[in-house]
Amino acid sequence: MDLKDFYKSVGGDYDLIMSRMGNKEERVVKFLNKFSADPSFENLKQALSENNAEDAFRAAHTIKGVALNLELQNLQAASDQLTETLREGNVPDNAQELLEQVGKAYQEAVDGISQL
C-alpha cells in the first residue's frame, strides 16, 4: 500500500499531511511508525478498565492530538468523542461503546501503517 492509499483507507487527508510535512513521504511514514509504537491506546484501555477517568482522559486526549496532527481523521473523530465525554471527570456509562469505536479506528490505522 502506498501512502496515498493509506490515507484514503483511514479517512485521512493526504494532501494536508504532505503540506504539513514539507511534501516528504519518508517523514510522514517515520511519524506514523512512531504512532503505532505509542502506548496511549493501551493506557486508555487500562484506565477505563480501572474506572480511572483522569488517566483515560489523558490517554484519549493524546490519541486525539496525535491523530489530528497525522491527519488520521477517523481516529481523531472517534477519540474526540471519547475525550469530550471524559472531560467531565467521570467514566460514562457508554465508555465501552466509545472505546470500541476508538479501537476500531486505531486498529485500522495500525494495520494500514504495517502495510506501508
PDB file of N, CA and C in Angstrom:
ATOM      1  N   MET A   1       0.858  -1.177   0.000  1.00  0.00           N
ATOM      2  CA  MET A   1       0.000   0.000   0.000  1.00  0.00           C
ATOM      3  C   MET A   1       0.902   1.238   0.000  1.00  0.00           C
ATOM      4  N   ASP A   2       0.552   2.209  -0.829  1.00  0.00           N
ATOM      5  CA  ASP A   2       1.328   3.451  -0.786  1.00  0.00           C
ATOM      6  C   ASP A   2       0.662   4.431   0.186  1.00  0.00           C
ATOM      7  N   LEU A   3       1.337   5.516   0.458  1.00  0.00           N
ATOM      8  CA  LEU A   3       0.882   6.464   1.474  1.00  0.00           C
ATOM      9  C   LEU A   3      -0.457   7.101   1.109  1.00  0.00           C
ATOM     10  N   LYS A   4      -0.646   7.392  -0.138  1.00  0.00           N
ATOM     11  CA  LYS A   4      -1.910   7.996  -0.583  1.00  0.00           C
ATOM     12  C   LYS A   4      -3.074   7.030  -0.342  1.00  0.00           C
ATOM     13  N   ASP A   5      -2.871   5.756  -0.671  1.00  0.00           N
ATOM     14  CA  ASP A   5      -3.908   4.744  -0.424  1.00  0.00           C
ATOM     15  C   ASP A   5      -4.152   4.565   1.073  1.00  0.00           C
ATOM     16  N   PHE A   6      -3.082   4.617   1.855  1.00  0.00           N
ATOM     17  CA  PHE A   6      -3.228   4.517   3.311  1.00  0.00           C
ATOM     18  C   PHE A   6      -4.144   5.619   3.824  1.00  0.00           C
ATOM     19  N   TYR A   7      -3.882   6.837   3.426  1.00  0.00           N
ATOM     20  CA  TYR A   7      -4.701   7.955   3.915  1.00  0.00           C
ATOM     21  C   TYR A   7      -6.141   7.844   3.441  1.00  0.00           C
ATOM     22  N   LYS A   8      -6.346   7.334   2.270  1.00  0.00           N
ATOM     23  CA  LYS A   8      -7.705   7.108   1.784  1.00  0.00           C
ATOM     24  C   LYS A   8      -8.410   6.069   2.672  1.00  0.00           C
ATOM     25  N   SER A   9      -7.676   5.027   3.060  1.00  0.00           N
ATOM     26  CA  SER A   9      -8.272   3.937   3.841  1.00  0.00           C
ATOM     27  C   SER A   9      -8.612   4.329   5.275  1.00  0.00           C
ATOM     28  N   VAL A  10      -7.943   5.336   5.816  1.00  0.00           N
ATOM     29  CA  VAL A  10      -8.207   5.748   7.206  1.00  0.00           C
ATOM     30  C   VAL A  10      -8.974   7.066   7.274  1.00  0.00           C
ATOM     31  N   GLY A  11      -9.525   7.477   6.155  1.00  0.00           N
ATOM     32  CA  GLY A  11     -10.302   8.711   6.139  1.00  0.00           C
ATOM     33  C   GLY A  11      -9.439   9.933   6.354  1.00  0.00           C
ATOM     34  N   GLY A  12      -8.187   9.864   5.948  1.00  0.00           N
ATOM     35  CA  GLY A  12      -7.260  10.972   6.163  1.00  0.00           C
ATOM     36  C   GLY A  12      -7.145  11.882   4.968  1.00  0.00           C
ATOM     37  N   ASP A  13      -6.401  12.937   5.155  1.00  0.00           N
ATOM     38  CA  ASP A  13      -6.200  13.929   4.110  1.00  0.00           C
ATOM     39  C   ASP A  13      -4.727  13.908   3.694  1.00  0.00           C
ATOM     40  N   TYR A  14      -4.444  13.176   2.632  1.00  0.00           N
ATOM     41  CA  TYR A  14      -3.071  13.021   2.147  1.00  0.00           C
ATOM     42  C   TYR A  14      -2.452  14.368   1.795  1.00  0.00           C
ATOM     43  N   ASP A  15      -3.169  15.198   1.086  1.00  0.00           N
ATOM     44  CA  ASP A  15      -2.607  16.483   0.654  1.00  0.00           C
ATOM     45  C   ASP A  15      -2.268  17.370   1.842  1.00  0.00           C
ATOM     46  N   LEU A  16      -3.113  17.356   2.844  1.00  0.00           N
ATOM     47  CA  LEU A  16      -2.855  18.186   4.025  1.00  0.00           C
ATOM     48  C   LEU A  16      -1.648  17.685   4.808  1.00  0.00           C
ATOM     49  N   ILE A  17      -1.528  16.370   5.001  1.00  0.00           N
ATOM     50  CA  ILE A  17      -0.373  15.859   5.740  1.00  0.00           C
ATOM     51  C   ILE A  17       0.908  16.099   4.958  1.00  0.00           C
ATOM     52  N   MET A  18       0.843  15.975   3.656  1.00  0.00           N
ATOM     53  CA  MET A  18       2.039  16.237   2.855  1.00  0.00           C
ATOM     54  C   MET A  18       2.440  17.704   2.950  1.00  0.00           C
ATOM     55  N   SER A  19       1.482  18.587   2.943  1.00  0.00           N
ATOM     56  CA  SER A  19       1.765  20.007   3.095  1.00  0.00           C
ATOM     57  C   SER A  19       2.380  20.280   4.468  1.00  0.00           C
ATOM     58  N   ARG A  20       1.827  19.658   5.494  1.00  0.00           N
ATOM     59  CA  ARG A  20       2.312  19.850   6.860  1.00  0.00           C
ATOM     60  C   ARG A  20       3.740  19.332   7.025  1.00  0.00           C
ATOM     61  N   MET A  21       4.067  18.247   6.335  1.00  0.00           N
ATOM     62  CA  MET A  21       5.372  17.608   6.499  1.00  0.00           C
ATOM     63  C   MET A  21       6.352  17.956   5.378  1.00  0.00           C
ATOM     64  N   GLY A  22       6.117  19.052   4.703  1.00  0.00           N
ATOM     65  CA  GLY A  22       7.055  19.511   3.689  1.00  0.00           C
ATOM     66  C   GLY A  22       7.142  18.619   2.466  1.00  0.00           C
ATOM     67  N   ASN A  23       6.024  17.948   2.148  1.00  0.00           N
ATOM     68  CA  ASN A  23       5.950  17.068   0.978  1.00  0.00           C
ATOM     69  C   ASN A  23       6.997  15.956   1.006  1.00  0.00           C
ATOM     70  N   LYS A  24       7.305  15.460   2.192  1.00  0.00           N
ATOM     71  CA  LYS A  24       8.289  14.383   2.341  1.00  0.00           C
ATOM     72  C   LYS A  24       7.601  13.150   2.913  1.00  0.00           C
ATOM     73  N   GLU A  25       7.314  12.212   2.007  1.00  0.00           N
ATOM     74  CA  GLU A  25       6.613  10.990   2.427  1.00  0.00           C
ATOM     75  C   GLU A  25       7.386  10.229   3.499  1.00  0.00           C
ATOM     76  N   GLU A  26       8.719  10.200   3.396  1.00  0.00           N
ATOM     77  CA  GLU A  26       9.504   9.458   4.389  1.00  0.00           C
ATOM     78  C   GLU A  26       9.333  10.049   5.789  1.00  0.00           C
ATOM     79  N   ARG A  27       9.132  11.346   5.883  1.00  0.00           N
ATOM     80  CA  ARG A  27       8.895  11.987   7.179  1.00  0.00           C
ATOM     81  C   ARG A  27       7.536  11.559   7.736  1.00  0.00           C
ATOM     82  N   VAL A  28       6.543  11.517   6.881  1.00  0.00           N
ATOM     83  CA  VAL A  28       5.207  11.097   7.300  1.00  0.00           C
ATOM     84  C   VAL A  28       5.255   9.656   7.799  1.00  0.00           C
ATOM     85  N   VAL A  29       5.896   8.783   7.032  1.00  0.00           N
ATOM     86  CA  VAL A  29       5.990   7.373   7.418  1.00  0.00           C
ATOM     87  C   VAL A  29       6.737   7.236   8.743  1.00  0.00           C
ATOM     88  N   LYS A  30       7.774   8.024   8.948  1.00  0.00           N
ATOM     89  CA  LYS A  30       8.531   7.997  10.208  1.00  0.00           C
ATOM     90  C   LYS A  30       7.607   8.296  11.390  1.00  0.00           C
ATOM     91  N   PHE A  31       6.800   9.319  11.277  1.00  0.00           N
ATOM     92  CA  PHE A  31       5.898   9.682  12.375  1.00  0.00           C
ATOM     93  C   PHE A  31       4.755   8.679  12.525  1.00  0.00           C
ATOM     94  N   LEU A  32       4.284   8.126  11.437  1.00  0.00           N
ATOM     95  CA  LEU A  32       3.256   7.087  11.520  1.00  0.00           C
ATOM     96  C   LEU A  32       3.793   5.863  12.268  1.00  0.00           C
ATOM     97  N   ASN A  33       5.036   5.489  12.001  1.00  0.00           N
ATOM     98  CA  ASN A  33       5.628   4.353  12.707  1.00  0.00           C
ATOM     99  C   ASN A  33       5.798   4.648  14.199  1.00  0.00           C
ATOM    100  N   LYS A  34       6.137   5.878  14.526  1.00  0.00           N
ATOM    101  CA  LYS A  34       6.224   6.259  15.951  1.00  0.00           C
ATOM    102  C   LYS A  34       4.846   6.163  16.602  1.00  0.00           C
ATOM    103  N   PHE A  35       3.824   6.563  15.864  1.00  0.00           N
ATOM    104  CA  PHE A  35       2.463   6.485  16.387  1.00  0.00           C
ATOM    105  C   PHE A  35       2.092   5.056  16.735  1.00  0.00           C
ATOM    106  N   SER A  36       2.399   4.121  15.844  1.00  0.00           N
ATOM    107  CA  SER A  36       1.977   2.742  16.082  1.00  0.00           C
ATOM    108  C   SER A  36       2.712   2.111  17.256  1.00  0.00           C
ATOM    109  N   ALA A  37       3.825   2.707  17.686  1.00  0.00           N
ATOM    110  CA  ALA A  37       4.566   2.207  18.849  1.00  0.00           C
ATOM    111  C   ALA A  37       4.159   2.920  20.141  1.00  0.00           C
ATOM    112  N   ASP A  38       3.336   3.938  20.040  1.00  0.00           N
ATOM    113  CA  ASP A  38       2.934   4.731  21.209  1.00  0.00           C
ATOM    114  C   ASP A  38       1.999   3.921  22.117  1.00  0.00           C
ATOM    115  N   PRO A  39       2.183   3.994  23.440  1.00  0.00           N
ATOM    116  CA  PRO A  39       1.373   3.194  24.365  1.00  0.00           C
ATOM    117  C   PRO A  39       0.024   3.811  24.743  1.00  0.00           C
ATOM    118  N   SER A  40      -0.355   4.904  24.158  1.00  0.00           N
ATOM    119  CA  SER A  40      -1.563   5.618  24.610  1.00  0.00           C
ATOM    120  C   SER A  40      -2.838   4.792  24.514  1.00  0.00           C
ATOM    121  N   PHE A  41      -2.978   3.974  23.471  1.00  0.00           N
ATOM    122  CA  PHE A  41      -4.205   3.182  23.358  1.00  0.00           C
ATOM    123  C   PHE A  41      -4.265   2.131  24.458  1.00  0.00           C
ATOM    124  N   GLU A  42      -3.155   1.498  24.737  1.00  0.00           N
ATOM    125  CA  GLU A  42      -3.114   0.520  25.844  1.00  0.00           C
ATOM    126  C   GLU A  42      -3.383   1.222  27.172  1.00  0.00           C
ATOM    127  N   ASN A  43      -2.829   2.413  27.340  1.00  0.00           N
ATOM    128  CA  ASN A  43      -3.080   3.197  28.555  1.00  0.00           C
ATOM    129  C   ASN A  43      -4.559   3.532  28.699  1.00  0.00           C
ATOM    130  N   LEU A  44      -5.192   3.853  27.581  1.00  0.00           N
ATOM    131  CA  LEU A  44      -6.621   4.168  27.585  1.00  0.00           C
ATOM    132  C   LEU A  44      -7.438   2.965  28.028  1.00  0.00           C
ATOM    133  N   LYS A  45      -7.156   1.821  27.445  1.00  0.00           N
ATOM    134  CA  LYS A  45      -7.898   0.609  27.822  1.00  0.00           C
ATOM    135  C   LYS A  45      -7.708   0.292  29.302  1.00  0.00           C
ATOM    136  N   GLN A  46      -6.475   0.404  29.774  1.00  0.00           N
ATOM    137  CA  GLN A  46      -6.176   0.109  31.177  1.00  0.00           C
ATOM    138  C   GLN A  46      -6.921   1.074  32.100  1.00  0.00           C
ATOM    139  N   ALA A  47      -6.862   2.351  31.790  1.00  0.00           N
ATOM    140  CA  ALA A  47      -7.510   3.356  32.630  1.00  0.00           C
ATOM    141  C   ALA A  47      -9.020   3.141  32.676  1.00  0.00           C
ATOM    142  N   LEU A  48      -9.628   2.844  31.543  1.00  0.00           N
ATOM    143  CA  LEU A  48     -11.072   2.612  31.535  1.00  0.00           C
ATOM    144  C   LEU A  48     -11.429   1.344  32.301  1.00  0.00           C
ATOM    145  N   SER A  49     -10.594   0.319  32.205  1.00  0.00           N
ATOM    146  CA  SER A  49     -10.876  -0.915  32.946  1.00  0.00           C
ATOM    147  C   SER A  49     -10.786  -0.690  34.448  1.00  0.00           C
ATOM    148  N   GLU A  50      -9.995   0.308  34.845  1.00  0.00           N
ATOM    149  CA  GLU A  50      -9.847   0.651  36.261  1.00  0.00           C
ATOM    150  C   GLU A  50     -10.791   1.778  36.673  1.00  0.00           C
ATOM    151  N   ASN A  51     -11.640   2.210  35.752  1.00  0.00           N
ATOM    152  CA  ASN A  51     -12.583   3.302  36.013  1.00  0.00           C
ATOM    153  C   ASN A  51     -11.863   4.597  36.417  1.00  0.00           C
ATOM    154  N   ASN A  52     -10.711   4.819  35.816  1.00  0.00           N
ATOM    155  CA  ASN A  52      -9.867   5.973  36.115  1.00  0.00           C
ATOM    156  C   ASN A  52     -10.079   7.026  35.028  1.00  0.00           C
ATOM    157  N   ALA A  53     -10.993   7.929  35.284  1.00  0.00           N
ATOM    158  CA  ALA A  53     -11.372   8.924  34.275  1.00  0.00           C
ATOM    159  C   ALA A  53     -10.231   9.874  33.943  1.00  0.00           C
ATOM    160  N   GLU A  54      -9.435  10.246  34.923  1.00  0.00           N
ATOM    161  CA  GLU A  54      -8.350  11.203  34.685  1.00  0.00           C
ATOM    162  C   GLU A  54      -7.309  10.633  33.725  1.00  0.00           C
ATOM    163  N   ASP A  55      -6.847   9.412  33.985  1.00  0.00           N
ATOM    164  CA  ASP A  55      -5.857   8.797  33.104  1.00  0.00           C
ATOM    165  C   ASP A  55      -6.462   8.445  31.744  1.00  0.00           C
ATOM    166  N   ALA A  56      -7.729   8.040  31.740  1.00  0.00           N
ATOM    167  CA  ALA A  56      -8.407   7.739  30.479  1.00  0.00           C
ATOM    168  C   ALA A  56      -8.523   9.008  29.637  1.00  0.00           C
ATOM    169  N   PHE A  57      -8.868  10.117  30.271  1.00  0.00           N
ATOM    170  CA  PHE A  57      -8.953  11.391  29.553  1.00  0.00           C
ATOM    171  C   PHE A  57      -7.604  11.745  28.944  1.00  0.00           C
ATOM    172  N   ARG A  58      -6.543  11.629  29.736  1.00  0.00           N
ATOM    173  CA  ARG A  58      -5.200  11.972  29.262  1.00  0.00           C
ATOM    174  C   ARG A  58      -4.822  11.105  28.045  1.00  0.00           C
ATOM    175  N   ALA A  59      -5.091   9.815  28.121  1.00  0.00           N
ATOM    176  CA  ALA A  59      -4.748   8.920  27.015  1.00  0.00           C
ATOM    177  C   ALA A  59      -5.595   9.221  25.778  1.00  0.00           C
ATOM    178  N   ALA A  60      -6.889   9.418  25.964  1.00  0.00           N
ATOM    179  CA  ALA A  60      -7.773   9.719  24.833  1.00  0.00           C
ATOM    180  C   ALA A  60      -7.392  11.055  24.188  1.00  0.00           C
ATOM    181  N   HIS A  61      -7.040  12.011  25.011  1.00  0.00           N
ATOM    182  CA  HIS A  61      -6.641  13.327  24.517  1.00  0.00           C
ATOM    183  C   HIS A  61      -5.338  13.232  23.721  1.00  0.00           C
ATOM    184  N   THR A  62      -4.409  12.416  24.186  1.00  0.00           N
ATOM    185  CA  THR A  62      -3.157  12.204  23.465  1.00  0.00           C
ATOM    186  C   THR A  62      -3.424  11.566  22.108  1.00  0.00           C
ATOM    187  N   ILE A  63      -4.246  10.541  22.089  1.00  0.00           N
ATOM    188  CA  ILE A  63      -4.589   9.878  20.823  1.00  0.00           C
ATOM    189  C   ILE A  63      -5.235  10.873  19.874  1.00  0.00           C
ATOM    190  N   LYS A  64      -6.154  11.661  20.387  1.00  0.00           N
ATOM    191  CA  LYS A  64      -6.834  12.654  19.556  1.00  0.00           C
ATOM    192  C   LYS A  64      -5.837  13.643  18.955  1.00  0.00           C
ATOM    193  N   GLY A  65      -4.920  14.136  19.761  1.00  0.00           N
ATOM    194  CA  GLY A  65      -3.939  15.110  19.284  1.00  0.00           C
ATOM    195  C   GLY A  65      -3.007  14.540  18.233  1.00  0.00           C
ATOM    196  N   VAL A  66      -2.520  13.344  18.484  1.00  0.00           N
ATOM    197  CA  VAL A  66      -1.626  12.710  17.514  1.00  0.00           C
ATOM    198  C   VAL A  66      -2.385  12.410  16.224  1.00  0.00           C
ATOM    199  N   ALA A  67      -3.591  11.909  16.345  1.00  0.00           N
ATOM    200  CA  ALA A  67      -4.403  11.615  15.162  1.00  0.00           C
ATOM    201  C   ALA A  67      -4.675  12.891  14.364  1.00  0.00           C
ATOM    202  N   LEU A  68      -4.927  13.970  15.063  1.00  0.00           N
ATOM    203  CA  LEU A  68      -5.161  15.249  14.390  1.00  0.00           C
ATOM    204  C   LEU A  68      -3.909  15.698  13.643  1.00  0.00           C
ATOM    205  N   ASN A  69      -2.764  15.628  14.305  1.00  0.00           N
ATOM    206  CA  ASN A  69      -1.510  16.053  13.684  1.00  0.00           C
ATOM    207  C   ASN A  69      -1.107  15.183  12.499  1.00  0.00           C
ATOM    208  N   LEU A  70      -1.463  13.901  12.554  1.00  0.00           N
ATOM    209  CA  LEU A  70      -1.111  12.989  11.466  1.00  0.00           C
ATOM    210  C   LEU A  70      -2.236  12.822  10.446  1.00  0.00           C
ATOM    211  N   GLU A  71      -3.303  13.589  10.591  1.00  0.00           N
ATOM    212  CA  GLU A  71      -4.435  13.556   9.662  1.00  0.00           C
ATOM    213  C   GLU A  71      -5.093  12.178   9.594  1.00  0.00           C
ATOM    214  N   LEU A  72      -5.173  11.507  10.744  1.00  0.00           N
ATOM    215  CA  LEU A  72      -5.889  10.231  10.839  1.00  0.00           C
ATOM    216  C   LEU A  72      -7.301  10.582  11.292  1.00  0.00           C
ATOM    217  N   GLN A  73      -8.111  11.033  10.366  1.00  0.00           N
ATOM    218  CA  GLN A  73      -9.376  11.672  10.704  1.00  0.00           C
ATOM    219  C   GLN A  73     -10.400  10.746  11.330  1.00  0.00           C
ATOM    220  N   ASN A  74     -10.459   9.489  10.925  1.00  0.00           N
ATOM    221  CA  ASN A  74     -11.398   8.565  11.570  1.00  0.00           C
ATOM    222  C   ASN A  74     -11.045   8.380  13.039  1.00  0.00           C
ATOM    223  N   LEU A  75      -9.767   8.210  13.319  1.00  0.00           N
ATOM    224  CA  LEU A  75      -9.313   8.040  14.698  1.00  0.00           C
ATOM    225  C   LEU A  75      -9.490   9.334  15.482  1.00  0.00           C
ATOM    226  N   GLN A  76      -9.217  10.442  14.875  1.00  0.00           N
ATOM    227  CA  GLN A  76      -9.384  11.731  15.551  1.00  0.00           C
ATOM    228  C   GLN A  76     -10.835  11.942  15.948  1.00  0.00           C
ATOM    229  N   ALA A  77     -11.763  11.641  15.064  1.00  0.00           N
ATOM    230  CA  ALA A  77     -13.182  11.837  15.363  1.00  0.00           C
ATOM    231  C   ALA A  77     -13.640  10.924  16.496  1.00  0.00           C
ATOM    232  N   ALA A  78     -13.237   9.664  16.449  1.00  0.00           N
ATOM    233  CA  ALA A  78     -13.648   8.715  17.496  1.00  0.00           C
ATOM    234  C   ALA A  78     -13.034   9.083  18.840  1.00  0.00           C
ATOM    235  N   SER A  79     -11.765   9.434  18.845  1.00  0.00           N
ATOM    236  CA  SER A  79     -11.107   9.776  20.114  1.00  0.00           C
ATOM    237  C   SER A  79     -11.584  11.123  20.639  1.00  0.00           C
ATOM    238  N   ASP A  80     -11.976  12.025  19.748  1.00  0.00           N
ATOM    239  CA  ASP A  80     -12.530  13.309  20.190  1.00  0.00           C
ATOM    240  C   ASP A  80     -13.821  13.094  20.974  1.00  0.00           C
ATOM    241  N   GLN A  81     -14.662  12.220  20.479  1.00  0.00           N
ATOM    242  CA  GLN A  81     -15.923  11.953  21.169  1.00  0.00           C
ATOM    243  C   GLN A  81     -15.667  11.390  22.567  1.00  0.00           C
ATOM    244  N   LEU A  82     -14.735  10.455  22.689  1.00  0.00           N
ATOM    245  CA  LEU A  82     -14.418   9.883  23.994  1.00  0.00           C
ATOM    246  C   LEU A  82     -13.756  10.918  24.896  1.00  0.00           C
ATOM    247  N   THR A  83     -12.851  11.702  24.346  1.00  0.00           N
ATOM    248  CA  THR A  83     -12.174  12.745  25.125  1.00  0.00           C
ATOM    249  C   THR A  83     -13.186  13.717  25.728  1.00  0.00           C
ATOM    250  N   GLU A  84     -14.093  14.186  24.906  1.00  0.00           N
ATOM    251  CA  GLU A  84     -15.067  15.167  25.397  1.00  0.00           C
ATOM    252  C   GLU A  84     -16.005  14.553  26.432  1.00  0.00           C
ATOM    253  N   THR A  85     -16.311  13.286  26.291  1.00  0.00           N
ATOM    254  CA  THR A  85     -17.163  12.615  27.273  1.00  0.00           C
ATOM    255  C   THR A  85     -16.440  12.465  28.604  1.00  0.00           C
ATOM    256  N   LEU A  86     -15.137  12.208  28.544  1.00  0.00           N
ATOM    257  CA  LEU A  86     -14.342  12.040  29.771  1.00  0.00           C
ATOM    258  C   LEU A  86     -13.944  13.376  30.412  1.00  0.00           C
ATOM    259  N   ARG A  87     -14.070  14.446  29.676  1.00  0.00           N
ATOM    260  CA  ARG A  87     -13.626  15.758  30.160  1.00  0.00           C
ATOM    261  C   ARG A  87     -14.294  16.145  31.487  1.00  0.00           C
ATOM    262  N   GLU A  88     -15.494  15.661  31.722  1.00  0.00           N
ATOM    263  CA  GLU A  88     -16.220  15.999  32.947  1.00  0.00           C
ATOM    264  C   GLU A  88     -15.664  15.299  34.179  1.00  0.00           C
ATOM    265  N   GLY A  89     -14.728  14.358  33.977  1.00  0.00           N
ATOM    266  CA  GLY A  89     -14.081  13.711  35.111  1.00  0.00           C
ATOM    267  C   GLY A  89     -14.709  12.417  35.563  1.00  0.00           C
ATOM    268  N   ASN A  90     -15.637  11.899  34.777  1.00  0.00           N
ATOM    269  CA  ASN A  90     -16.281  10.626  35.109  1.00  0.00           C
ATOM    270  C   ASN A  90     -16.204   9.690  33.919  1.00  0.00           C
ATOM    271  N   VAL A  91     -16.136   8.393  34.215  1.00  0.00           N
ATOM    272  CA  VAL A  91     -16.206   7.404  33.143  1.00  0.00           C
ATOM    273  C   VAL A  91     -17.687   7.213  32.824  1.00  0.00           C
ATOM    274  N   PRO A  92     -18.100   7.512  31.584  1.00  0.00           N
ATOM    275  CA  PRO A  92     -19.513   7.446  31.233  1.00  0.00           C
ATOM    276  C   PRO A  92     -20.014   6.002  31.107  1.00  0.00           C
ATOM    277  N   ASP A  93     -21.306   5.863  31.169  1.00  0.00           N
ATOM    278  CA  ASP A  93     -21.920   4.542  31.022  1.00  0.00           C
ATOM    279  C   ASP A  93     -21.615   3.921  29.663  1.00  0.00           C
ATOM    280  N   ASN A  94     -21.457   4.749  28.651  1.00  0.00           N
ATOM    281  CA  ASN A  94     -21.210   4.236  27.299  1.00  0.00           C
ATOM    282  C   ASN A  94     -19.712   4.193  26.962  1.00  0.00           C
ATOM    283  N   ALA A  95     -18.864   4.154  27.986  1.00  0.00           N
ATOM    284  CA  ALA A  95     -17.417   4.164  27.765  1.00  0.00           C
ATOM    285  C   ALA A  95     -16.963   2.982  26.919  1.00  0.00           C
ATOM    286  N   GLN A  96     -17.521   1.817  27.153  1.00  0.00           N
ATOM    287  CA  GLN A  96     -17.103   0.639  26.385  1.00  0.00           C
ATOM    288  C   GLN A  96     -17.450   0.799  24.907  1.00  0.00           C
ATOM    289  N   GLU A  97     -18.617   1.330  24.632  1.00  0.00           N
ATOM    290  CA  GLU A  97     -19.015   1.565  23.239  1.00  0.00           C
ATOM    291  C   GLU A  97     -18.087   2.577  22.568  1.00  0.00           C
ATOM    292  N   LEU A  98     -17.768   3.649  23.276  1.00  0.00           N
ATOM    293  CA  LEU A  98     -16.870   4.665  22.722  1.00  0.00           C
ATOM    294  C   LEU A  98     -15.464   4.098  22.537  1.00  0.00           C
ATOM    295  N   LEU A  99     -15.011   3.281  23.493  1.00  0.00           N
ATOM    296  CA  LEU A  99     -13.704   2.643  23.369  1.00  0.00           C
ATOM    297  C   LEU A  99     -13.663   1.725  22.147  1.00  0.00           C
ATOM    298  N   GLU A 100     -14.736   1.018  21.891  1.00  0.00           N
ATOM    299  CA  GLU A 100     -14.786   0.134  20.717  1.00  0.00           C
ATOM    300  C   GLU A 100     -14.655   0.942  19.426  1.00  0.00           C
ATOM    301  N   GLN A 101     -15.269   2.124  19.381  1.00  0.00           N
ATOM    302  CA  GLN A 101     -15.162   2.968  18.190  1.00  0.00           C
ATOM    303  C   GLN A 101     -13.720   3.458  18.010  1.00  0.00           C
ATOM    304  N   VAL A 102     -13.098   3.877  19.120  1.00  0.00           N
ATOM    305  CA  VAL A 102     -11.703   4.309  19.062  1.00  0.00           C
ATOM    306  C   VAL A 102     -10.832   3.121  18.656  1.00  0.00           C
ATOM    307  N   GLY A 103     -11.092   1.972  19.265  1.00  0.00           N
ATOM    308  CA  GLY A 103     -10.306   0.781  18.972  1.00  0.00           C
ATOM    309  C   GLY A 103     -10.377   0.372  17.520  1.00  0.00           C
ATOM    310  N   LYS A 104     -11.551   0.468  16.934  1.00  0.00           N
ATOM    311  CA  LYS A 104     -11.713   0.116  15.518  1.00  0.00           C
ATOM    312  C   LYS A 104     -10.881   1.052  14.642  1.00  0.00           C
ATOM    313  N   ALA A 105     -10.977   2.353  14.883  1.00  0.00           N
ATOM    314  CA  ALA A 105     -10.221   3.326  14.088  1.00  0.00           C
ATOM    315  C   ALA A 105      -8.722   3.201  14.350  1.00  0.00           C
ATOM    316  N   TYR A 106      -8.353   2.925  15.594  1.00  0.00           N
ATOM    317  CA  TYR A 106      -6.942   2.750  15.950  1.00  0.00           C
ATOM    318  C   TYR A 106      -6.373   1.538  15.219  1.00  0.00           C
ATOM    319  N   GLN A 107      -7.083   0.424  15.267  1.00  0.00           N
ATOM    320  CA  GLN A 107      -6.603  -0.795  14.622  1.00  0.00           C
ATOM    321  C   GLN A 107      -6.527  -0.621  13.119  1.00  0.00           C
ATOM    322  N   GLU A 108      -7.478   0.073  12.556  1.00  0.00           N
ATOM    323  CA  GLU A 108      -7.471   0.371  11.116  1.00  0.00           C
ATOM    324  C   GLU A 108      -6.196   1.129  10.754  1.00  0.00           C
ATOM    325  N   ALA A 109      -5.836   2.123  11.578  1.00  0.00           N
ATOM    326  CA  ALA A 109      -4.624   2.911  11.322  1.00  0.00           C
ATOM    327  C   ALA A 109      -3.371   2.057  11.491  1.00  0.00           C
ATOM    328  N   VAL A 110      -3.284   1.305  12.569  1.00  0.00           N
ATOM    329  CA  VAL A 110      -2.097   0.473  12.831  1.00  0.00           C
ATOM    330  C   VAL A 110      -1.929  -0.588  11.739  1.00  0.00           C
ATOM    331  N   ASP A 111      -3.033  -1.212  11.336  1.00  0.00           N
ATOM    332  CA  ASP A 111      -2.950  -2.217  10.267  1.00  0.00           C
ATOM    333  C   ASP A 111      -2.456  -1.588   8.967  1.00  0.00           C
ATOM    334  N   GLY A 112      -2.970  -0.411   8.669  1.00  0.00           N
ATOM    335  CA  GLY A 112      -2.533   0.277   7.450  1.00  0.00           C
ATOM    336  C   GLY A 112      -1.078   0.672   7.516  1.00  0.00           C
ATOM    337  N   ILE A 113      -0.637   1.141   8.674  1.00  0.00           N
ATOM    338  CA  ILE A 113       0.766   1.545   8.832  1.00  0.00           C
ATOM    339  C   ILE A 113       1.680   0.338   8.609  1.00  0.00           C
ATOM    340  N   SER A 114       1.265  -0.809   9.095  1.00  0.00           N
ATOM    341  CA  SER A 114       2.098  -2.009   8.935  1.00  0.00           C
ATOM    342  C   SER A 114       2.234  -2.424   7.468  1.00  0.00           C
ATOM    343  N   GLN A 115       1.349  -1.937   6.604  1.00  0.00           N
ATOM    344  CA  GLN A 115       1.386  -2.286   5.189  1.00  0.00           C
ATOM    345  C   GLN A 115       2.134  -1.249   4.334  1.00  0.00           C
ATOM    346  N   LEU A 116       2.599  -0.206   4.977  1.00  0.00           N
ATOM    347  CA  LEU A 116       3.328   0.825   4.210  1.00  0.00           C
ATOM    348  C   LEU A 116       4.710   0.338   3.819  1.00  0.00           C
TER     349      LEU A 116
END
